[in-house]
Amino acid sequence: MKKQEKYAWLKEVNSQALQQAVIHLDKSFLNFFRSNFGFPKFKSKHKSKKSFCFPVVNNLKIDYDANRISIPKFIKLKDKDNRLKCKFSRKVEGTVKSATVSQDKDGRYYISILCEVDMQVPNKKPVLRETSRGIDFGVKTFLTFDDGTKVENPKFLKHSQEKLARHQQDLAKLEKGTTRYKSKQEQITRLHSKIARQRKDFLDKLTSRMCNDSQVDTFCIEDLSIKDMQSENRHAMNRAIGDLAWNMFTGMLTYKAEQRGKNVIKIGRYVPSSKTCSNCGYVKYDLQLSDREWTCPECEHHHDRDINAAKNIKDFALPNMNFNKRVGSTLSNGNHLQ
């Protein structure tokens, strides 16, 4: 194809990147015939994420001292040093297998390097009630632990909402296709990318701090359906739920706990953790979302809604270790979970 004039642009691309694209196509067809994946589709020129992958066979050169990286057929002709400038998050360890170059929506370029590291995953630590933590997700408070500790919601989107609204109002007044219209679109995209980076940084630091806690070996969380929660709520609540990124938090917590030999236990998404009294097991079915505190009519124990839910999540995740209260099964006996 490179010999044909209409495909002359293929010569501008690293040959290994073209080979990798064919390998990806082969995997897509294998998945289609062997699994339940759909028929392979062409990537959209406008909507798809811009990226390419290439195997690293002595063609990726990294200079940490000069903050430079060399990628085949990607050079800066204007500089004396034609290698690309790069900011490294950390040094590459192990055997480098492949690299993926991608462009974010705000125009920034990233390179992700895949390495093979000879590392043994530690054995899982025993699940003990004393070293376990129940975690309740919330909108007002991002996380609440069963010991009463709370992590406030950073509300990155809300803090930038006013600035974002001004940009969108300005965009509505401009004519589509003009230079000013495209420039305003780029400003909105950069602001959204900044919010996404802030959110990811917050979740990354929070999950690392949690997994590095030597006093906790097991995390008990809810199995939430974000799609169902957003379909049941108003637009403002949907935006707040989306800004929390619970799925991203759960994914980060799971793989970091795996690396440190810790456990993550999920309970069923329909368990009434907020409505159940953590002291006696009474279920207050008429509890509203606006009720942040409530008193059990059975044992008269006063509850903070979020702390009570975190305690119940821990109890449901570790039923055999809580003999004095309910176990996982729900048996109807008045308003109690037995």
Protein backbone atom coordinates (compact mmCIF):
# COMPACT_ATOMS: atom_id res chain seq x y z
CA MET A 1 0.00 0.00 0.00
CA LYS A 2 2.91 2.36 0.68
CA LYS A 3 4.03 1.99 -2.96
CA GLN A 4 0.68 3.36 -4.18
CA GLU A 5 0.50 7.14 -4.58
CA LYS A 6 -2.85 7.53 -2.81
CA TYR A 7 -1.43 5.85 0.31
CA ALA A 8 1.79 7.88 0.38
CA TRP A 9 0.83 9.26 3.81
CA LEU A 10 1.49 5.82 5.30
CA LYS A 11 5.22 6.50 4.91
CA GLU A 12 4.92 9.36 7.41
CA VAL A 13 3.95 6.94 10.18
CA ASN A 14 6.15 4.55 12.13
CA SER A 15 5.81 1.11 10.50
CA GLN A 16 5.48 -0.62 13.87
CA ALA A 17 2.47 1.56 14.73
CA LEU A 18 0.80 0.38 11.49
CA GLN A 19 1.59 -3.24 12.38
CA GLN A 20 0.12 -2.73 15.85
CA ALA A 21 -3.11 -1.42 14.30
CA VAL A 22 -3.40 -4.64 12.27
CA ILE A 23 -2.79 -6.67 15.45
CA HIS A 24 -5.60 -4.77 17.19
CA LEU A 25 -7.90 -5.52 14.24
CA ASP A 26 -7.01 -9.21 14.45
CA LYS A 27 -7.84 -9.27 18.17
CA SER A 28 -11.16 -7.57 17.49
CA PHE A 29 -12.18 -10.24 14.97
CA LEU A 30 -11.05 -13.03 17.30
CA ASN A 31 -13.17 -11.53 20.08
CA PHE A 32 -16.10 -11.28 17.68
CA PHE A 33 -15.94 -14.94 16.61
CA ARG A 34 -14.98 -16.46 19.98
CA SER A 35 -16.90 -14.24 22.40
CA ASN A 36 -20.04 -12.15 22.49
CA PHE A 37 -18.34 -8.94 21.38
CA GLY A 38 -19.85 -7.00 18.50
CA PHE A 39 -18.53 -6.80 14.95
CA PRO A 40 -15.44 -4.55 14.69
CA LYS A 41 -16.21 -0.97 13.70
CA PHE A 42 -14.05 1.70 12.12
CA LYS A 43 -12.90 4.38 14.53
CA SER A 44 -14.65 7.69 14.02
CA LYS A 45 -12.39 10.46 12.81
CA HIS A 46 -14.10 13.06 15.00
CA LYS A 47 -15.38 11.26 18.11
CA SER A 48 -12.74 8.60 18.83
CA LYS A 49 -9.85 9.16 21.19
CA LYS A 50 -6.76 10.07 19.18
CA SER A 51 -4.07 7.53 19.99
CA PHE A 52 -1.62 5.03 18.51
CA CYS A 53 0.38 2.19 19.97
CA PHE A 54 3.75 0.72 19.02
CA PRO A 55 5.91 -2.07 20.47
CA VAL A 56 9.17 -0.88 21.99
CA VAL A 57 12.16 -2.63 20.40
CA ASN A 58 15.11 -0.33 21.14
CA ASN A 59 13.25 2.56 19.47
CA LEU A 60 12.07 4.45 22.56
CA LYS A 61 14.84 6.50 24.13
CA ILE A 62 14.28 8.26 27.45
CA ASP A 63 16.51 10.91 29.03
CA TYR A 64 15.29 11.67 32.56
CA ASP A 65 17.98 14.31 33.22
CA ALA A 66 17.03 16.41 30.19
CA ASN A 67 13.29 15.54 30.36
CA ARG A 68 13.35 14.33 26.77
CA ILE A 69 11.92 11.33 24.97
CA SER A 70 12.56 10.04 21.46
CA ILE A 71 9.72 8.44 19.46
CA PRO A 72 10.30 7.13 15.91
CA LYS A 73 9.37 9.72 13.22
CA PHE A 74 8.38 12.31 15.84
CA ILE A 75 10.99 15.04 16.02
CA LYS A 76 11.12 18.80 16.60
CA LEU A 77 12.95 20.24 13.59
CA LYS A 78 13.24 23.78 14.99
CA ASP A 79 15.24 22.77 18.08
CA LYS A 80 18.86 21.72 18.15
CA ASP A 81 17.80 18.83 20.35
CA ASN A 82 15.11 17.24 18.19
CA ARG A 83 13.82 14.98 20.95
CA LEU A 84 10.40 15.72 22.41
CA LYS A 85 10.05 17.50 25.74
CA CYS A 86 8.29 15.40 28.33
CA LYS A 87 7.30 15.55 32.01
CA PHE A 88 7.70 12.15 33.68
CA SER A 89 5.39 11.06 36.48
CA ARG A 90 7.94 8.44 37.57
CA LYS A 91 10.82 6.41 36.18
CA VAL A 92 10.16 3.34 34.07
CA GLU A 93 10.81 0.07 35.88
CA GLY A 94 11.14 -3.46 34.53
CA THR A 95 11.07 -4.56 30.90
CA VAL A 96 9.40 -2.09 28.53
CA LYS A 97 6.90 -3.86 26.25
CA SER A 98 4.96 -1.17 24.40
CA ALA A 99 4.02 2.49 24.44
CA THR A 100 0.78 4.31 23.65
CA VAL A 101 0.68 7.95 22.60
CA SER A 102 -2.65 9.70 23.03
CA GLN A 103 -4.06 13.20 22.80
CA ASP A 104 -6.49 14.47 25.41
CA LYS A 105 -9.50 16.64 24.56
CA ASP A 106 -7.67 19.74 25.74
CA GLY A 107 -4.89 19.13 23.19
CA ARG A 108 -2.24 17.74 25.55
CA TYR A 109 -0.26 14.68 24.50
CA TYR A 110 0.48 11.76 26.82
CA ILE A 111 2.59 8.65 26.47
CA SER A 112 1.78 5.58 28.53
CA ILE A 113 4.55 2.99 28.76
CA LEU A 114 3.64 -0.64 29.45
CA CYS A 115 6.25 -2.52 31.49
CA GLU A 116 6.65 -6.05 32.76
CA VAL A 117 7.77 -6.07 36.38
CA ASP A 118 8.87 -9.12 38.31
CA MET A 119 6.72 -8.53 41.38
CA GLN A 120 4.87 -10.99 43.56
CA VAL A 121 1.39 -9.98 44.69
CA PRO A 122 1.23 -10.48 48.47
CA ASN A 123 -1.20 -12.99 49.94
CA LYS A 124 -4.50 -11.60 51.11
CA LYS A 125 -4.60 -10.71 54.77
CA PRO A 126 -7.22 -12.42 56.97
CA VAL A 127 -10.60 -10.72 57.21
CA LEU A 128 -11.01 -9.66 60.83
CA ARG A 129 -13.67 -7.40 62.26
CA GLU A 130 -11.09 -5.41 64.22
CA THR A 131 -9.13 -4.49 61.08
CA SER A 132 -12.16 -3.83 58.84
CA ARG A 133 -13.79 -0.53 57.89
CA GLY A 134 -17.31 0.04 56.65
CA ILE A 135 -17.55 2.84 54.07
CA ASP A 136 -20.70 4.73 53.09
CA PHE A 137 -20.81 6.87 49.93
CA GLY A 138 -22.63 10.17 50.08
CA VAL A 139 -23.26 13.39 48.16
CA LYS A 140 -22.81 15.94 50.94
CA THR A 141 -20.00 13.92 52.52
CA PHE A 142 -17.92 11.97 50.01
CA LEU A 143 -17.04 9.09 52.38
CA THR A 144 -18.11 8.18 55.90
CA PHE A 145 -16.34 5.44 57.86
CA ASP A 146 -17.96 3.32 60.56
CA ASP A 147 -15.65 4.85 63.19
CA GLY A 148 -17.17 8.30 62.53
CA THR A 149 -14.41 9.68 60.27
CA LYS A 150 -15.73 11.69 57.33
CA VAL A 151 -14.14 12.83 54.05
CA GLU A 152 -15.77 15.98 52.72
CA ASN A 153 -16.92 16.25 49.12
CA PRO A 154 -14.40 18.47 47.23
CA LYS A 155 -17.10 19.56 44.69
CA PHE A 156 -14.66 20.36 41.90
CA LEU A 157 -17.40 20.81 39.29
CA LYS A 158 -19.50 23.06 41.53
CA HIS A 159 -16.55 25.34 42.28
CA SER A 160 -15.96 25.83 38.55
CA GLN A 161 -19.66 25.94 37.62
CA GLU A 162 -19.92 29.74 37.56
CA LYS A 163 -16.90 30.12 35.30
CA LEU A 164 -18.12 27.30 33.08
CA ALA A 165 -21.58 28.90 32.78
CA ARG A 166 -20.05 32.22 31.68
CA HIS A 167 -18.05 30.47 28.94
CA GLN A 168 -21.13 28.62 27.72
CA GLN A 169 -23.19 31.83 27.64
CA ASP A 170 -20.47 33.52 25.59
CA LEU A 171 -20.37 30.51 23.26
CA ALA A 172 -24.13 30.73 22.62
CA LYS A 173 -23.72 34.32 21.37
CA LEU A 174 -20.99 33.48 18.85
CA GLU A 175 -21.46 32.27 15.30
CA LYS A 176 -20.63 28.62 14.73
CA GLY A 177 -17.49 27.89 12.74
CA THR A 178 -15.79 31.21 13.45
CA THR A 179 -12.36 31.50 15.02
CA ARG A 180 -13.77 33.02 18.22
CA TYR A 181 -16.32 30.19 18.46
CA LYS A 182 -13.60 27.53 18.20
CA SER A 183 -11.42 29.40 20.70
CA LYS A 184 -14.27 29.54 23.22
CA GLN A 185 -14.90 25.80 22.72
CA GLU A 186 -11.25 25.12 23.52
CA GLN A 187 -11.52 27.16 26.71
CA ILE A 188 -14.52 25.09 27.84
CA THR A 189 -12.72 21.86 26.98
CA ARG A 190 -9.60 22.90 28.92
CA LEU A 191 -11.72 23.77 31.95
CA HIS A 192 -13.45 20.37 31.87
CA SER A 193 -10.06 18.66 31.56
CA LYS A 194 -8.77 20.60 34.56
CA ILE A 195 -11.77 19.48 36.64
CA ALA A 196 -11.17 15.86 35.58
CA ARG A 197 -7.49 16.08 36.58
CA GLN A 198 -8.40 17.60 39.96
CA ARG A 199 -10.90 14.81 40.59
CA LYS A 200 -8.46 12.06 39.61
CA ASP A 201 -5.70 13.55 41.75
CA PHE A 202 -8.01 13.73 44.77
CA LEU A 203 -9.16 10.11 44.36
CA ASP A 204 -5.61 8.88 43.76
CA LYS A 205 -4.27 10.45 46.94
CA LEU A 206 -7.29 9.38 49.01
CA THR A 207 -7.16 5.71 47.96
CA SER A 208 -3.38 5.59 48.47
CA ARG A 209 -3.75 7.01 51.96
CA MET A 210 -6.46 4.48 52.77
CA CYS A 211 -4.49 1.48 51.46
CA ASN A 212 -1.31 2.57 53.24
CA ASP A 213 -3.09 2.55 56.60
CA SER A 214 -1.53 -0.35 58.50
CA GLN A 215 -4.51 -0.53 60.88
CA VAL A 216 -7.00 -1.49 58.14
CA ASP A 217 -6.87 -4.72 56.10
CA THR A 218 -10.45 -4.92 54.78
CA PHE A 219 -12.73 -2.32 53.18
CA CYS A 220 -16.48 -2.92 53.07
CA ILE A 221 -18.34 -0.88 50.44
CA GLU A 222 -21.65 -0.77 48.59
CA ASP A 223 -22.17 -2.09 45.08
CA LEU A 224 -23.75 1.03 43.60
CA SER A 225 -25.54 1.39 40.26
CA ILE A 226 -24.71 4.94 39.23
CA LYS A 227 -26.93 4.75 36.14
CA ASP A 228 -30.00 3.80 38.18
CA MET A 229 -29.28 6.48 40.79
CA GLN A 230 -29.01 9.19 38.17
CA SER A 231 -32.25 8.12 36.44
CA GLU A 232 -34.17 8.50 39.70
CA ASN A 233 -32.96 11.99 40.62
CA ARG A 234 -33.19 15.56 39.38
CA HIS A 235 -30.70 17.11 36.97
CA ALA A 236 -28.79 18.94 39.74
CA MET A 237 -28.46 15.72 41.76
CA ASN A 238 -27.36 13.79 38.66
CA ARG A 239 -24.59 16.32 38.09
CA ALA A 240 -23.47 16.03 41.72
CA ILE A 241 -23.44 12.22 41.53
CA GLY A 242 -21.42 12.30 38.31
CA ASP A 243 -18.90 14.70 39.86
CA LEU A 244 -18.23 12.25 42.72
CA ALA A 245 -16.85 9.54 40.37
CA TRP A 246 -17.64 6.63 42.70
CA ASN A 247 -16.81 4.05 40.02
CA MET A 248 -13.33 5.53 39.57
CA PHE A 249 -12.82 5.52 43.34
CA THR A 250 -13.92 1.87 43.59
CA GLY A 251 -11.59 0.84 40.77
CA MET A 252 -8.60 2.62 42.31
CA LEU A 253 -9.31 1.21 45.77
CA THR A 254 -9.66 -2.33 44.39
CA TYR A 255 -6.37 -2.50 42.47
CA LYS A 256 -4.36 -0.72 45.17
CA ALA A 257 -5.76 -3.03 47.83
CA GLU A 258 -4.84 -5.99 45.60
CA GLN A 259 -1.23 -4.78 45.37
CA ARG A 260 -0.99 -4.52 49.16
CA GLY A 261 -2.74 -7.79 49.98
CA LYS A 262 -5.85 -6.13 51.38
CA ASN A 263 -9.50 -7.05 50.88
CA VAL A 264 -12.42 -5.18 49.32
CA ILE A 265 -15.85 -6.65 50.08
CA LYS A 266 -18.99 -5.39 48.32
CA ILE A 267 -22.50 -5.79 49.72
CA GLY A 268 -25.71 -5.95 47.68
CA ARG A 269 -26.96 -2.68 46.24
CA TYR A 270 -30.50 -3.16 47.61
CA VAL A 271 -29.53 -3.66 51.26
CA PRO A 272 -31.29 -0.99 53.43
CA SER A 273 -28.08 0.21 55.07
CA SER A 274 -29.32 3.74 55.84
CA LYS A 275 -32.78 2.70 57.10
CA THR A 276 -31.61 -0.05 59.45
CA CYS A 277 -30.75 0.66 63.09
CA SER A 278 -27.18 -0.51 63.65
CA ASN A 279 -27.95 -1.05 67.34
CA CYS A 280 -31.04 -3.31 67.28
CA GLY A 281 -31.82 -4.04 63.62
CA TYR A 282 -35.09 -2.08 63.35
CA VAL A 283 -35.85 -0.89 59.80
CA LYS A 284 -37.34 2.59 59.39
CA TYR A 285 -38.95 2.25 55.98
CA ASP A 286 -40.27 5.82 55.90
CA LEU A 287 -36.82 7.40 56.27
CA GLN A 288 -36.41 10.22 53.74
CA LEU A 289 -33.26 11.34 51.95
CA SER A 290 -33.48 14.71 53.73
CA ASP A 291 -33.36 13.03 57.17
CA ARG A 292 -29.69 13.34 58.10
CA GLU A 293 -30.30 12.18 61.68
CA TRP A 294 -32.96 9.93 63.17
CA THR A 295 -33.85 8.14 66.40
CA CYS A 296 -34.80 4.48 66.44
CA PRO A 297 -38.34 4.09 67.89
CA GLU A 298 -37.46 0.60 69.14
CA CYS A 299 -34.27 1.15 71.16
CA GLU A 300 -34.30 5.00 71.13
CA HIS A 301 -30.73 5.08 69.81
CA HIS A 302 -29.92 8.34 67.99
CA HIS A 303 -28.17 7.91 64.63
CA ASP A 304 -26.15 10.01 62.26
CA ARG A 305 -27.48 8.72 58.93
CA ASP A 306 -24.09 8.27 57.24
CA ILE A 307 -22.24 6.76 60.22
CA ASN A 308 -25.16 4.38 60.83
CA ALA A 309 -25.06 3.29 57.17
CA ALA A 310 -21.29 2.68 57.36
CA LYS A 311 -21.76 0.49 60.44
CA ASN A 312 -24.50 -1.51 58.70
CA ILE A 313 -22.37 -1.97 55.57
CA LYS A 314 -19.66 -3.47 57.73
CA ASP A 315 -22.19 -5.72 59.50
CA PHE A 316 -23.68 -6.98 56.23
CA ALA A 317 -20.23 -7.57 54.72
CA LEU A 318 -19.07 -9.56 57.77
CA PRO A 319 -22.27 -11.34 58.91
CA ASN A 320 -20.61 -14.33 60.60
CA MET A 321 -18.53 -12.03 62.82
CA ASN A 322 -21.50 -10.22 64.31
CA PHE A 323 -23.41 -12.85 66.25
CA ASN A 324 -25.31 -10.45 68.49
CA LYS A 325 -27.03 -8.68 65.59
CA ARG A 326 -28.62 -9.68 62.30
CA VAL A 327 -27.00 -11.90 59.70
CA GLY A 328 -27.13 -11.44 55.97
CA SER A 329 -30.53 -13.03 55.36
CA THR A 330 -33.65 -10.90 55.69
CA LEU A 331 -36.52 -12.54 57.54
CA SER A 332 -39.71 -10.62 58.12
CA ASN A 333 -40.42 -10.21 61.80
CA GLY A 334 -42.25 -6.95 62.26
CA ASN A 335 -39.84 -4.19 61.28
CA HIS A 336 -36.68 -6.10 62.19
CA LEU A 337 -33.95 -7.78 60.19
CA GLN A 338 -33.19 -11.03 62.00
